[in-house]
């Protein structure tokens, strides 16, 4: 499971010119799954994400988490996070989980994020052609791969 976490001032997802998810201050999380991912990967990534100390405290130091700030969360599926660019110029997505495996993982991750935050989150739509816009705050962008825990 790979995620790209961006601290944002605002972010939104549109599908066919309709806003389907929108947040103000918080995190935009792009998430991609591979066939080897498990519930354990989801739980580890969710915990790491909501507890990352990447928001400013009263002294302007990145010392607060999303949980502590009460910020919002927008989660968007993105299979291209598993692109392999080792050969040629056309990325290979063979590592990305097929929809029949990835959709249940995505739904489980959404539920885990809501449980961790104890509030609803905003999402995109799995498999849709989405337009994602954001105002990256900082900029702060963090990459996490559940296969690189050590």
N, C-alpha and C. Protein backbone atom coordinates (compact mmCIF):
# COMPACT_ATOMS: atom_id res chain seq x y z
N UNK A 1 0.86 -1.17 0.00
CA UNK A 1 0.00 0.00 0.00
C UNK A 1 0.90 1.23 0.00
N UNK A 2 0.67 2.08 -0.96
CA UNK A 2 1.43 3.32 -1.04
C UNK A 2 0.48 4.50 -0.90
N UNK A 3 0.96 5.53 -0.20
CA UNK A 3 0.18 6.76 -0.09
C UNK A 3 1.09 7.96 -0.30
N UNK A 4 0.50 8.98 -0.89
CA UNK A 4 1.12 10.30 -0.97
C UNK A 4 0.24 11.19 -0.11
N UNK A 5 0.85 11.77 0.91
CA UNK A 5 0.13 12.61 1.86
C UNK A 5 0.53 14.06 1.61
N UNK A 6 -0.45 14.90 1.40
CA UNK A 6 -0.17 16.32 1.19
C UNK A 6 -0.94 17.14 2.21
N UNK A 7 -0.18 17.95 2.96
CA UNK A 7 -0.83 18.89 3.88
C UNK A 7 -1.40 20.01 3.02
N UNK A 8 -2.69 20.27 3.17
CA UNK A 8 -3.35 21.23 2.30
C UNK A 8 -4.10 22.30 3.08
N UNK A 9 -4.23 23.44 2.44
CA UNK A 9 -5.14 24.49 2.94
C UNK A 9 -6.54 24.21 2.45
N UNK A 10 -6.61 23.57 1.25
CA UNK A 10 -7.89 23.14 0.69
C UNK A 10 -7.61 22.13 -0.40
N UNK A 11 -8.62 21.29 -0.67
CA UNK A 11 -8.52 20.30 -1.76
C UNK A 11 -9.92 19.87 -2.14
N UNK A 12 -10.06 19.47 -3.40
CA UNK A 12 -11.35 18.95 -3.83
C UNK A 12 -11.18 17.99 -4.99
N UNK A 13 -12.19 17.14 -5.17
CA UNK A 13 -12.23 16.18 -6.26
C UNK A 13 -13.50 16.43 -7.04
N UNK A 14 -13.35 16.51 -8.37
CA UNK A 14 -14.50 16.65 -9.27
C UNK A 14 -14.58 15.44 -10.19
N UNK A 15 -15.80 15.02 -10.46
CA UNK A 15 -16.07 13.99 -11.46
C UNK A 15 -17.15 14.56 -12.36
N UNK A 16 -16.86 14.62 -13.66
CA UNK A 16 -17.80 15.19 -14.64
C UNK A 16 -18.29 16.57 -14.20
N UNK A 17 -17.34 17.39 -13.76
CA UNK A 17 -17.59 18.78 -13.35
C UNK A 17 -18.46 18.92 -12.10
N UNK A 18 -18.64 17.83 -11.36
CA UNK A 18 -19.39 17.85 -10.10
C UNK A 18 -18.42 17.60 -8.95
N UNK A 19 -18.42 18.46 -7.93
CA UNK A 19 -17.57 18.26 -6.76
C UNK A 19 -18.13 17.10 -5.95
N UNK A 20 -17.31 16.07 -5.74
CA UNK A 20 -17.74 14.90 -4.97
C UNK A 20 -17.08 14.82 -3.61
N UNK A 21 -15.99 15.56 -3.42
CA UNK A 21 -15.29 15.61 -2.14
C UNK A 21 -14.56 16.92 -2.01
N UNK A 22 -14.63 17.53 -0.83
CA UNK A 22 -14.00 18.84 -0.65
C UNK A 22 -13.64 19.02 0.81
N UNK A 23 -12.42 19.54 1.05
CA UNK A 23 -12.00 19.84 2.42
C UNK A 23 -11.31 21.20 2.47
N UNK A 24 -11.23 21.72 3.66
CA UNK A 24 -10.40 22.89 3.94
C UNK A 24 -9.11 22.35 4.57
N UNK A 25 -8.58 22.99 5.59
CA UNK A 25 -7.32 22.61 6.22
C UNK A 25 -7.31 21.13 6.59
N UNK A 26 -6.26 20.43 6.17
CA UNK A 26 -6.14 19.02 6.51
C UNK A 26 -5.17 18.29 5.60
N UNK A 27 -5.52 17.04 5.27
CA UNK A 27 -4.66 16.20 4.45
C UNK A 27 -5.40 15.67 3.24
N UNK A 28 -4.73 15.71 2.09
CA UNK A 28 -5.16 15.00 0.90
C UNK A 28 -4.29 13.75 0.85
N UNK A 29 -4.93 12.58 0.79
CA UNK A 29 -4.19 11.32 0.76
C UNK A 29 -4.54 10.58 -0.53
N UNK A 30 -3.54 10.40 -1.38
CA UNK A 30 -3.67 9.58 -2.58
C UNK A 30 -3.23 8.18 -2.20
N UNK A 31 -4.05 7.17 -2.49
CA UNK A 31 -3.76 5.82 -2.03
C UNK A 31 -3.82 4.81 -3.17
N UNK A 32 -2.82 3.93 -3.21
CA UNK A 32 -2.77 2.87 -4.20
C UNK A 32 -2.49 1.54 -3.54
N UNK A 33 -3.11 0.49 -4.06
CA UNK A 33 -2.98 -0.85 -3.49
C UNK A 33 -2.32 -1.80 -4.48
N UNK A 34 -1.64 -2.80 -3.93
CA UNK A 34 -1.11 -3.90 -4.72
C UNK A 34 -1.69 -5.20 -4.19
N UNK A 35 -1.57 -6.27 -4.96
CA UNK A 35 -2.20 -7.53 -4.61
C UNK A 35 -1.72 -8.10 -3.28
N UNK A 36 -0.51 -7.76 -2.86
CA UNK A 36 0.03 -8.30 -1.61
C UNK A 36 -0.44 -7.53 -0.37
N UNK A 37 -1.21 -6.47 -0.53
CA UNK A 37 -1.63 -5.67 0.62
C UNK A 37 -2.67 -6.40 1.46
N UNK A 38 -2.63 -6.12 2.76
CA UNK A 38 -3.51 -6.76 3.73
C UNK A 38 -4.15 -5.71 4.64
N UNK A 39 -5.03 -6.17 5.50
CA UNK A 39 -5.64 -5.28 6.49
C UNK A 39 -4.56 -4.70 7.42
N UNK A 40 -3.52 -5.47 7.67
CA UNK A 40 -2.42 -4.98 8.49
C UNK A 40 -1.75 -3.76 7.85
N UNK A 41 -1.57 -3.80 6.53
CA UNK A 41 -1.00 -2.66 5.81
C UNK A 41 -1.89 -1.44 5.98
N UNK A 42 -3.19 -1.65 5.83
CA UNK A 42 -4.14 -0.54 5.96
C UNK A 42 -4.05 0.07 7.35
N UNK A 43 -4.10 -0.76 8.38
CA UNK A 43 -4.07 -0.26 9.75
C UNK A 43 -2.78 0.50 10.04
N UNK A 44 -1.65 0.00 9.54
CA UNK A 44 -0.37 0.67 9.77
C UNK A 44 -0.34 2.03 9.08
N UNK A 45 -0.76 2.07 7.81
CA UNK A 45 -0.73 3.33 7.05
C UNK A 45 -1.71 4.34 7.66
N UNK A 46 -2.90 3.91 8.02
CA UNK A 46 -3.89 4.82 8.61
C UNK A 46 -3.35 5.41 9.90
N UNK A 47 -2.82 4.57 10.78
CA UNK A 47 -2.28 5.07 12.04
C UNK A 47 -1.12 6.04 11.80
N UNK A 48 -0.23 5.69 10.90
CA UNK A 48 0.91 6.56 10.59
C UNK A 48 0.42 7.90 10.04
N UNK A 49 -0.57 7.86 9.16
CA UNK A 49 -1.07 9.08 8.52
C UNK A 49 -1.71 10.03 9.51
N UNK A 50 -2.64 9.54 10.30
CA UNK A 50 -3.38 10.44 11.20
C UNK A 50 -2.53 10.92 12.37
N UNK A 51 -1.40 10.23 12.62
CA UNK A 51 -0.53 10.62 13.73
C UNK A 51 0.74 11.35 13.30
N UNK A 52 0.93 11.53 11.98
CA UNK A 52 2.11 12.28 11.51
C UNK A 52 2.08 13.69 12.08
N UNK A 53 3.18 14.09 12.67
CA UNK A 53 3.27 15.42 13.27
C UNK A 53 3.78 16.40 12.20
N UNK A 54 2.86 16.85 11.36
CA UNK A 54 3.24 17.73 10.24
C UNK A 54 2.45 19.03 10.22
N UNK A 55 1.75 19.33 11.32
CA UNK A 55 1.04 20.60 11.45
C UNK A 55 1.72 21.43 12.53
N UNK A 56 1.69 22.73 12.34
CA UNK A 56 2.40 23.64 13.25
C UNK A 56 1.74 23.70 14.63
N UNK A 57 2.59 23.74 15.65
CA UNK A 57 2.11 23.99 17.01
C UNK A 57 2.09 25.51 17.25
N UNK A 58 1.89 25.92 18.49
CA UNK A 58 1.80 27.35 18.81
C UNK A 58 3.10 28.10 18.54
N UNK A 59 4.22 27.37 18.40
CA UNK A 59 5.52 27.99 18.11
C UNK A 59 5.90 27.90 16.64
N UNK A 60 4.98 27.41 15.81
CA UNK A 60 5.25 27.30 14.39
C UNK A 60 6.09 26.09 14.01
N UNK A 61 6.26 25.16 14.94
CA UNK A 61 7.05 23.95 14.69
C UNK A 61 6.09 22.82 14.29
N UNK A 62 6.48 22.02 13.28
CA UNK A 62 5.64 20.89 12.88
C UNK A 62 5.68 19.86 14.01
N UNK A 63 4.68 19.91 14.86
CA UNK A 63 4.66 19.09 16.07
C UNK A 63 3.27 18.55 16.37
N UNK A 64 2.29 18.80 15.50
CA UNK A 64 0.91 18.37 15.75
C UNK A 64 0.43 17.47 14.62
N UNK A 65 -0.43 16.54 14.97
CA UNK A 65 -0.98 15.60 13.99
C UNK A 65 -2.36 16.03 13.53
N UNK A 66 -2.87 15.34 12.53
CA UNK A 66 -4.23 15.58 12.06
C UNK A 66 -5.21 15.32 13.20
N UNK A 67 -4.96 14.29 13.98
CA UNK A 67 -5.84 13.99 15.13
C UNK A 67 -5.87 15.17 16.10
N UNK A 68 -4.72 15.76 16.35
CA UNK A 68 -4.63 16.85 17.32
C UNK A 68 -5.23 18.15 16.80
N UNK A 69 -5.13 18.38 15.49
CA UNK A 69 -5.63 19.65 14.95
C UNK A 69 -7.11 19.59 14.59
N UNK A 70 -7.64 18.38 14.45
CA UNK A 70 -9.04 18.25 14.05
C UNK A 70 -9.26 18.58 12.59
N UNK A 71 -8.18 18.56 11.79
CA UNK A 71 -8.29 18.88 10.37
C UNK A 71 -9.10 17.84 9.61
N UNK A 72 -9.35 18.15 8.36
CA UNK A 72 -10.16 17.28 7.50
C UNK A 72 -9.28 16.33 6.69
N UNK A 73 -9.92 15.32 6.11
CA UNK A 73 -9.20 14.33 5.32
C UNK A 73 -9.96 14.04 4.04
N UNK A 74 -9.24 14.07 2.92
CA UNK A 74 -9.77 13.70 1.61
C UNK A 74 -8.91 12.56 1.09
N UNK A 75 -9.54 11.40 0.82
CA UNK A 75 -8.82 10.22 0.37
C UNK A 75 -9.25 9.89 -1.06
N UNK A 76 -8.25 9.74 -1.94
CA UNK A 76 -8.50 9.49 -3.36
C UNK A 76 -7.70 8.28 -3.81
N UNK A 77 -8.36 7.32 -4.45
CA UNK A 77 -7.66 6.14 -4.97
C UNK A 77 -6.82 6.54 -6.18
N UNK A 78 -5.62 5.95 -6.28
CA UNK A 78 -4.73 6.27 -7.39
C UNK A 78 -3.81 5.08 -7.67
N UNK A 79 -4.24 4.22 -8.57
CA UNK A 79 -3.47 3.02 -8.90
C UNK A 79 -2.11 3.34 -9.49
N UNK A 80 -1.94 4.53 -10.06
CA UNK A 80 -0.68 4.87 -10.71
C UNK A 80 0.47 5.03 -9.71
N UNK A 81 0.19 5.01 -8.43
CA UNK A 81 1.26 5.05 -7.43
C UNK A 81 2.13 3.80 -7.52
N UNK A 82 1.60 2.75 -8.12
CA UNK A 82 2.35 1.50 -8.27
C UNK A 82 2.97 1.36 -9.66
N UNK A 83 3.12 2.46 -10.36
CA UNK A 83 3.72 2.43 -11.70
C UNK A 83 5.18 2.03 -11.61
N UNK A 84 5.58 1.16 -12.52
CA UNK A 84 6.99 0.81 -12.66
C UNK A 84 7.51 1.51 -13.92
N UNK A 85 8.61 2.22 -13.76
CA UNK A 85 9.19 2.95 -14.89
C UNK A 85 10.59 2.43 -15.22
N UNK A 86 10.88 1.19 -14.83
CA UNK A 86 12.20 0.63 -15.03
C UNK A 86 12.53 0.39 -16.50
N UNK A 87 11.55 -0.06 -17.28
CA UNK A 87 11.79 -0.36 -18.69
C UNK A 87 11.00 0.59 -19.56
N UNK A 88 11.66 1.15 -20.55
CA UNK A 88 10.98 1.98 -21.53
C UNK A 88 10.40 3.25 -20.95
N UNK A 89 9.49 3.86 -21.71
CA UNK A 89 8.89 5.13 -21.31
C UNK A 89 7.41 5.02 -20.99
N UNK A 90 6.84 3.84 -21.20
CA UNK A 90 5.44 3.64 -20.84
C UNK A 90 5.40 2.93 -19.49
N UNK A 91 4.84 3.58 -18.46
CA UNK A 91 4.79 2.93 -17.14
C UNK A 91 3.99 1.63 -17.19
N UNK A 92 4.43 0.68 -16.39
CA UNK A 92 3.72 -0.58 -16.22
C UNK A 92 2.97 -0.53 -14.89
N UNK A 93 1.74 -0.97 -14.90
CA UNK A 93 0.92 -0.96 -13.69
C UNK A 93 0.63 -2.37 -13.20
N UNK A 94 1.49 -3.31 -13.55
CA UNK A 94 1.28 -4.71 -13.22
C UNK A 94 1.25 -4.94 -11.71
N UNK A 95 1.94 -4.09 -10.94
CA UNK A 95 1.95 -4.23 -9.47
C UNK A 95 0.66 -3.72 -8.83
N UNK A 96 -0.07 -2.88 -9.51
CA UNK A 96 -1.31 -2.33 -8.95
C UNK A 96 -2.36 -3.44 -8.85
N UNK A 97 -3.07 -3.48 -7.73
CA UNK A 97 -4.11 -4.49 -7.53
C UNK A 97 -5.24 -4.28 -8.53
N UNK A 98 -5.78 -5.37 -9.00
CA UNK A 98 -6.95 -5.32 -9.89
C UNK A 98 -8.15 -4.82 -9.08
N UNK A 99 -9.12 -4.19 -9.74
CA UNK A 99 -10.27 -3.61 -9.02
C UNK A 99 -10.99 -4.57 -8.08
N UNK A 100 -11.15 -5.83 -8.48
CA UNK A 100 -11.87 -6.77 -7.60
C UNK A 100 -11.16 -6.99 -6.27
N UNK A 101 -9.87 -6.75 -6.22
CA UNK A 101 -9.11 -6.84 -4.98
C UNK A 101 -8.94 -5.47 -4.33
N UNK A 102 -8.72 -4.45 -5.15
CA UNK A 102 -8.43 -3.11 -4.64
C UNK A 102 -9.66 -2.42 -4.04
N UNK A 103 -10.84 -2.62 -4.63
CA UNK A 103 -12.03 -1.93 -4.12
C UNK A 103 -12.32 -2.28 -2.66
N UNK A 104 -12.32 -3.57 -2.28
CA UNK A 104 -12.54 -3.87 -0.86
C UNK A 104 -11.46 -3.28 0.05
N UNK A 105 -10.20 -3.25 -0.43
CA UNK A 105 -9.14 -2.63 0.36
C UNK A 105 -9.37 -1.14 0.51
N UNK A 106 -9.76 -0.49 -0.57
CA UNK A 106 -10.03 0.95 -0.53
C UNK A 106 -11.17 1.24 0.45
N UNK A 107 -12.25 0.49 0.36
CA UNK A 107 -13.38 0.69 1.27
C UNK A 107 -12.99 0.43 2.72
N UNK A 108 -12.16 -0.57 2.93
CA UNK A 108 -11.67 -0.84 4.28
C UNK A 108 -10.80 0.30 4.79
N UNK A 109 -9.98 0.86 3.92
CA UNK A 109 -9.13 1.99 4.31
C UNK A 109 -9.98 3.21 4.66
N UNK A 110 -11.02 3.48 3.88
CA UNK A 110 -11.90 4.60 4.19
C UNK A 110 -12.54 4.43 5.56
N UNK A 111 -13.02 3.23 5.83
CA UNK A 111 -13.63 2.94 7.13
C UNK A 111 -12.60 3.11 8.26
N UNK A 112 -11.38 2.63 8.03
CA UNK A 112 -10.33 2.74 9.05
C UNK A 112 -9.97 4.21 9.31
N UNK A 113 -9.91 5.03 8.27
CA UNK A 113 -9.64 6.46 8.47
C UNK A 113 -10.76 7.12 9.28
N UNK A 114 -12.00 6.81 8.94
CA UNK A 114 -13.13 7.39 9.69
C UNK A 114 -13.11 6.93 11.15
N UNK A 115 -12.79 5.68 11.38
CA UNK A 115 -12.72 5.17 12.75
C UNK A 115 -11.60 5.85 13.53
N UNK A 116 -10.45 6.02 12.89
CA UNK A 116 -9.30 6.65 13.57
C UNK A 116 -9.59 8.11 13.91
N UNK A 117 -10.28 8.80 13.00
CA UNK A 117 -10.55 10.23 13.21
C UNK A 117 -11.85 10.48 13.98
N UNK A 118 -12.70 9.45 14.06
CA UNK A 118 -14.01 9.57 14.73
C UNK A 118 -14.88 10.65 14.10
N UNK A 119 -14.79 10.73 12.76
CA UNK A 119 -15.65 11.66 12.02
C UNK A 119 -15.64 11.27 10.55
N UNK A 120 -16.62 11.73 9.80
CA UNK A 120 -16.65 11.40 8.36
C UNK A 120 -15.47 12.02 7.62
N UNK A 121 -15.07 11.36 6.54
CA UNK A 121 -14.03 11.88 5.68
C UNK A 121 -14.62 12.12 4.29
N UNK A 122 -13.87 12.81 3.46
CA UNK A 122 -14.27 13.06 2.08
C UNK A 122 -13.48 12.11 1.18
N UNK A 123 -14.07 11.73 0.04
CA UNK A 123 -13.42 10.79 -0.85
C UNK A 123 -13.65 11.16 -2.30
N UNK A 124 -12.88 10.50 -3.15
CA UNK A 124 -13.15 10.50 -4.57
C UNK A 124 -14.03 9.29 -4.85
N UNK A 125 -13.96 8.79 -6.08
CA UNK A 125 -14.72 7.59 -6.46
C UNK A 125 -13.76 6.62 -7.13
N UNK A 126 -13.67 5.43 -6.60
CA UNK A 126 -12.73 4.45 -7.12
C UNK A 126 -12.96 4.23 -8.62
N UNK A 127 -11.88 4.31 -9.39
CA UNK A 127 -11.93 4.02 -10.81
C UNK A 127 -12.45 5.13 -11.70
N UNK A 128 -12.92 6.21 -11.12
CA UNK A 128 -13.47 7.31 -11.91
C UNK A 128 -12.36 8.18 -12.48
N UNK A 129 -12.68 8.91 -13.54
CA UNK A 129 -11.80 9.94 -14.08
C UNK A 129 -12.03 11.17 -13.22
N UNK A 130 -11.08 11.46 -12.35
CA UNK A 130 -11.24 12.54 -11.37
C UNK A 130 -10.29 13.68 -11.65
N UNK A 131 -10.72 14.88 -11.34
CA UNK A 131 -9.87 16.05 -11.36
C UNK A 131 -9.68 16.46 -9.91
N UNK A 132 -8.43 16.42 -9.46
CA UNK A 132 -8.10 16.73 -8.08
C UNK A 132 -7.38 18.07 -8.06
N UNK A 133 -7.87 18.98 -7.25
CA UNK A 133 -7.18 20.26 -7.11
C UNK A 133 -6.87 20.49 -5.64
N UNK A 134 -5.77 21.19 -5.39
CA UNK A 134 -5.36 21.40 -4.01
C UNK A 134 -4.49 22.64 -3.89
N UNK A 135 -4.46 23.16 -2.68
CA UNK A 135 -3.50 24.18 -2.32
C UNK A 135 -2.62 23.52 -1.27
N UNK A 136 -1.41 23.11 -1.70
CA UNK A 136 -0.48 22.43 -0.82
C UNK A 136 0.07 23.45 0.16
N UNK A 137 0.01 23.12 1.44
CA UNK A 137 0.41 24.02 2.51
C UNK A 137 1.84 23.70 2.92
N UNK A 138 2.76 24.60 2.60
CA UNK A 138 4.15 24.42 3.01
C UNK A 138 5.14 24.66 1.89
N UNK A 139 5.24 23.81 0.91
CA UNK A 139 4.51 22.56 0.69
C UNK A 139 5.04 21.44 1.61
N UNK A 140 4.11 20.60 2.03
CA UNK A 140 4.46 19.41 2.79
C UNK A 140 3.85 18.22 2.05
N UNK A 141 4.72 17.33 1.57
CA UNK A 141 4.31 16.13 0.87
C UNK A 141 5.13 14.97 1.40
N UNK A 142 4.45 13.91 1.86
CA UNK A 142 5.09 12.75 2.47
C UNK A 142 4.69 11.50 1.69
N UNK A 143 5.65 10.63 1.42
CA UNK A 143 5.39 9.35 0.77
C UNK A 143 5.51 8.23 1.80
N UNK A 144 4.55 7.32 1.81
CA UNK A 144 4.61 6.17 2.71
C UNK A 144 4.31 4.91 1.91
N UNK A 145 5.13 3.89 2.12
CA UNK A 145 4.94 2.58 1.50
C UNK A 145 4.90 1.56 2.63
N UNK A 146 3.78 0.85 2.76
CA UNK A 146 3.64 -0.11 3.86
C UNK A 146 4.63 -1.26 3.76
N UNK A 147 5.25 -1.44 2.61
CA UNK A 147 6.25 -2.50 2.46
C UNK A 147 7.63 -2.04 2.93
N UNK A 148 7.76 -0.78 3.32
CA UNK A 148 9.02 -0.23 3.83
C UNK A 148 8.84 0.28 5.25
N UNK A 149 8.35 -0.57 6.14
CA UNK A 149 8.09 -0.17 7.53
C UNK A 149 9.37 -0.05 8.34
N UNK A 150 10.40 -0.73 7.93
CA UNK A 150 11.63 -0.77 8.74
C UNK A 150 12.58 0.32 8.32
